[in-house]
Amino acid sequence: MQSIDIAWNFGGSADYEATLKPLCLRVESHFPLPPKKLWRYFATWDDPHMQTWMRLGEYYRAFHVPYAGRTDLPDYLRNGFFRP
C-alpha cells in the first residue's frame, strides 16, 4: 500500500505529479527548507481564489500565508497549509 505524502497536492493529477514533483525536488535541494514546513499545491484549474482575492494575477507561481491570515483561505487551501 502506497502512503500519501500530505506535503504535496497535485489535485489528483498523475501527470502533474510525474512531471512536477521531480522538478520541485531538484529545485528544493538548493534551499535549506525546514522539514514539514512546506506544502505544495498545484491547481489543476484556473483557481479564482488565487487570481482575484490574492491578486496574484494570471501567472501566479507561489505565495506565503502567515498564520494570522489562515481564516481568509478557502477550506481546500486552509486544510493543507495549517495542519496540527
Protein backbone atom coordinates (compact mmCIF):
# COMPACT_ATOMS: atom_id res chain seq x y z
CA MET A 1 0.00 0.00 0.00
CA GLN A 2 1.40 3.39 -1.02
CA SER A 3 1.44 6.07 1.66
CA ILE A 4 0.11 9.53 0.86
CA ASP A 5 2.52 12.40 1.38
CA ILE A 6 0.40 15.28 2.69
CA ALA A 7 3.13 17.78 1.77
CA TRP A 8 2.05 17.53 -1.89
CA ASN A 9 -1.32 18.23 -3.53
CA PHE A 10 -1.45 17.62 -7.26
CA GLY A 11 -5.23 17.87 -7.44
CA GLY A 12 -5.46 14.18 -8.31
CA SER A 13 -3.42 14.62 -11.49
CA ALA A 14 -0.94 11.79 -12.02
CA ASP A 15 0.54 13.74 -14.94
CA TYR A 16 1.24 16.77 -12.72
CA GLU A 17 2.83 14.56 -10.10
CA ALA A 18 5.03 12.70 -12.58
CA THR A 19 6.17 15.93 -14.23
CA LEU A 20 6.32 18.46 -11.40
CA LYS A 21 7.46 16.52 -8.34
CA PRO A 22 10.94 15.63 -9.69
CA LEU A 23 11.44 19.24 -10.81
CA CYS A 24 10.36 20.61 -7.43
CA LEU A 25 12.61 18.22 -5.55
CA ARG A 26 15.54 19.29 -7.71
CA VAL A 27 14.90 23.00 -7.04
CA GLU A 28 14.24 22.44 -3.34
CA SER A 29 17.57 20.64 -2.97
CA HIS A 30 19.25 24.04 -3.44
CA PHE A 31 17.47 25.63 -0.46
CA PRO A 32 17.69 24.83 3.25
CA LEU A 33 13.98 24.37 3.90
CA PRO A 34 12.83 23.18 7.31
CA PRO A 35 11.17 19.76 7.27
CA LYS A 36 7.36 19.69 7.48
CA LYS A 37 7.10 23.42 6.78
CA LEU A 38 6.36 23.29 3.07
CA TRP A 39 3.07 22.34 1.42
CA ARG A 40 2.91 22.29 -2.34
CA TYR A 41 -0.43 22.86 -4.04
CA PHE A 42 -0.76 22.56 -7.81
CA ALA A 43 -4.09 23.86 -9.07
CA THR A 44 -5.50 21.76 -11.89
CA TRP A 45 -7.87 24.58 -12.80
CA ASP A 46 -7.79 28.37 -13.01
CA ASP A 47 -8.29 28.90 -9.30
CA PRO A 48 -10.36 32.10 -8.96
CA HIS A 49 -9.37 32.49 -5.31
CA MET A 50 -5.73 32.84 -6.27
CA GLN A 51 -6.42 35.13 -9.21
CA THR A 52 -8.82 37.56 -7.54
CA TRP A 53 -8.73 37.59 -3.74
CA MET A 54 -4.99 37.12 -3.51
CA ARG A 55 -4.43 39.41 -6.51
CA LEU A 56 -1.74 37.10 -7.84
CA GLY A 57 -2.78 37.52 -11.44
CA GLU A 58 -2.98 35.03 -14.23
CA TYR A 59 0.56 33.67 -13.88
CA TYR A 60 0.90 33.19 -10.13
CA ARG A 61 3.52 30.68 -9.05
CA ALA A 62 3.72 30.74 -5.27
CA PHE A 63 2.55 32.55 -2.20
CA HIS A 64 3.03 32.69 1.54
CA VAL A 65 0.22 33.00 4.04
CA PRO A 66 1.04 33.94 7.62
CA TYR A 67 -0.78 32.10 10.38
CA ALA A 68 -2.86 35.23 11.08
CA GLY A 69 -4.27 35.05 7.53
CA ARG A 70 -5.44 31.47 7.78
CA THR A 71 -9.13 32.33 8.10
CA ASP A 72 -9.06 34.15 4.76
CA LEU A 73 -8.32 30.96 2.84
CA PRO A 74 -10.98 28.62 1.45
CA ASP A 75 -11.17 25.21 3.14
CA TYR A 76 -9.34 23.36 0.37
CA LEU A 77 -6.27 25.56 0.96
CA ARG A 78 -6.57 26.14 4.72
CA ASN A 79 -6.68 22.39 5.42
CA GLY A 80 -3.40 21.90 3.57
CA PHE A 81 -1.48 24.87 4.88
CA PHE A 82 -2.49 24.77 8.52
CA ARG A 83 -2.17 21.29 9.95
CA PRO A 84 -1.70 20.49 13.64
